[in-house]
Amino acid sequence: MRTVVEGVIEAESDAVSTYQELVDLAEDADDPVTEDLAAELLADEEEHLVEFEGFLASPEK
């Protein structure tokens, strides 16, 4: 189970990096629509990352 959670954390971390890059690029391009959409997706992925990191911090049953 731990290995699965670690894999999900890696995927979520990659998604966070990708969406952060997209936010930055959209801001640089003065594209507020794309920036807002990417920011929403980024927030979702950051929530997922925190949630799965919490699974690792929890004692195993």
C-alpha atoms as a PDB file:
ATOM      1  CA  MET A   1       0.000   0.000   0.000  1.00  0.00           C
ATOM      2  CA  ARG A   2       2.808   2.412   0.875  1.00  0.00           C
ATOM      3  CA  THR A   3       4.383   1.949  -2.553  1.00  0.00           C
ATOM      4  CA  VAL A   4       1.106   2.841  -4.252  1.00  0.00           C
ATOM      5  CA  VAL A   5       0.733   5.998  -2.163  1.00  0.00           C
ATOM      6  CA  GLU A   6       4.338   6.971  -2.899  1.00  0.00           C
ATOM      7  CA  GLY A   7       3.621   6.544  -6.615  1.00  0.00           C
ATOM      8  CA  VAL A   8       0.557   8.747  -6.357  1.00  0.00           C
ATOM      9  CA  ILE A   9       2.567  11.378  -4.485  1.00  0.00           C
ATOM     10  CA  GLU A  10       5.159  11.381  -7.246  1.00  0.00           C
ATOM     11  CA  ALA A  11       2.447  11.791  -9.893  1.00  0.00           C
ATOM     12  CA  GLU A  12       0.746  14.575  -7.927  1.00  0.00           C
ATOM     13  CA  SER A  13       4.086  16.353  -7.463  1.00  0.00           C
ATOM     14  CA  ASP A  14       4.685  16.210 -11.205  1.00  0.00           C
ATOM     15  CA  ALA A  15       1.198  17.593 -11.837  1.00  0.00           C
ATOM     16  CA  VAL A  16       1.791  20.442  -9.367  1.00  0.00           C
ATOM     17  CA  SER A  17       5.026  21.353 -11.157  1.00  0.00           C
ATOM     18  CA  THR A  18       3.364  21.215 -14.558  1.00  0.00           C
ATOM     19  CA  TYR A  19       0.401  23.378 -13.563  1.00  0.00           C
ATOM     20  CA  GLN A  20       2.670  25.878 -11.787  1.00  0.00           C
ATOM     21  CA  GLU A  21       4.692  26.191 -14.972  1.00  0.00           C
ATOM     22  CA  LEU A  22       1.493  26.694 -16.964  1.00  0.00           C
ATOM     23  CA  VAL A  23       0.308  29.409 -14.547  1.00  0.00           C
ATOM     24  CA  ASP A  24       3.645  31.192 -14.940  1.00  0.00           C
ATOM     25  CA  LEU A  25       3.622  30.910 -18.739  1.00  0.00           C
ATOM     26  CA  ALA A  26       0.041  32.142 -18.975  1.00  0.00           C
ATOM     27  CA  GLU A  27       0.865  35.087 -16.720  1.00  0.00           C
ATOM     28  CA  ASP A  28       3.880  35.955 -18.873  1.00  0.00           C
ATOM     29  CA  ALA A  29       1.709  35.716 -21.995  1.00  0.00           C
ATOM     30  CA  ASP A  30      -0.961  37.952 -20.430  1.00  0.00           C
ATOM     31  CA  ASP A  31      -3.553  35.173 -20.812  1.00  0.00           C
ATOM     32  CA  PRO A  32      -5.813  35.482 -17.751  1.00  0.00           C
ATOM     33  CA  VAL A  33      -8.271  32.804 -18.867  1.00  0.00           C
ATOM     34  CA  THR A  34      -5.614  30.114 -19.130  1.00  0.00           C
ATOM     35  CA  GLU A  35      -3.934  31.404 -15.980  1.00  0.00           C
ATOM     36  CA  ASP A  36      -7.180  31.133 -13.973  1.00  0.00           C
ATOM     37  CA  LEU A  37      -7.914  27.643 -15.276  1.00  0.00           C
ATOM     38  CA  ALA A  38      -4.383  26.456 -14.554  1.00  0.00           C
ATOM     39  CA  ALA A  39      -4.521  28.022 -11.085  1.00  0.00           C
ATOM     40  CA  GLU A  40      -7.711  26.098 -10.295  1.00  0.00           C
ATOM     41  CA  LEU A  41      -6.162  22.852 -11.496  1.00  0.00           C
ATOM     42  CA  LEU A  42      -3.009  23.620  -9.519  1.00  0.00           C
ATOM     43  CA  ALA A  43      -5.022  24.142  -6.335  1.00  0.00           C
ATOM     44  CA  ASP A  44      -6.782  20.805  -6.844  1.00  0.00           C
ATOM     45  CA  GLU A  45      -3.510  18.975  -7.359  1.00  0.00           C
ATOM     46  CA  GLU A  46      -1.958  20.639  -4.309  1.00  0.00           C
ATOM     47  CA  GLU A  47      -4.920  19.432  -2.222  1.00  0.00           C
ATOM     48  CA  HIS A  48      -4.468  15.905  -3.550  1.00  0.00           C
ATOM     49  CA  LEU A  49      -0.764  16.031  -2.750  1.00  0.00           C
ATOM     50  CA  VAL A  50      -1.388  17.097   0.853  1.00  0.00           C
ATOM     51  CA  GLU A  51      -4.032  14.404   1.236  1.00  0.00           C
ATOM     52  CA  PHE A  52      -1.755  11.606   0.039  1.00  0.00           C
ATOM     53  CA  GLU A  53       1.212  12.894   2.020  1.00  0.00           C
ATOM     54  CA  GLY A  54      -1.084  12.649   5.039  1.00  0.00           C
ATOM     55  CA  PHE A  55      -1.642   8.978   4.290  1.00  0.00           C
ATOM     56  CA  LEU A  56       2.093   8.379   4.649  1.00  0.00           C
ATOM     57  CA  ALA A  57       2.202  10.320   7.903  1.00  0.00           C
ATOM     58  CA  SER A  58      -0.638   8.258   9.363  1.00  0.00           C
ATOM     59  CA  PRO A  59       0.262   5.123  11.290  1.00  0.00           C
ATOM     60  CA  GLU A  60      -0.414   1.951   9.317  1.00  0.00           C
ATOM     61  CA  LYS A  61      -3.218  -0.299  10.470  1.00  0.00           C
END
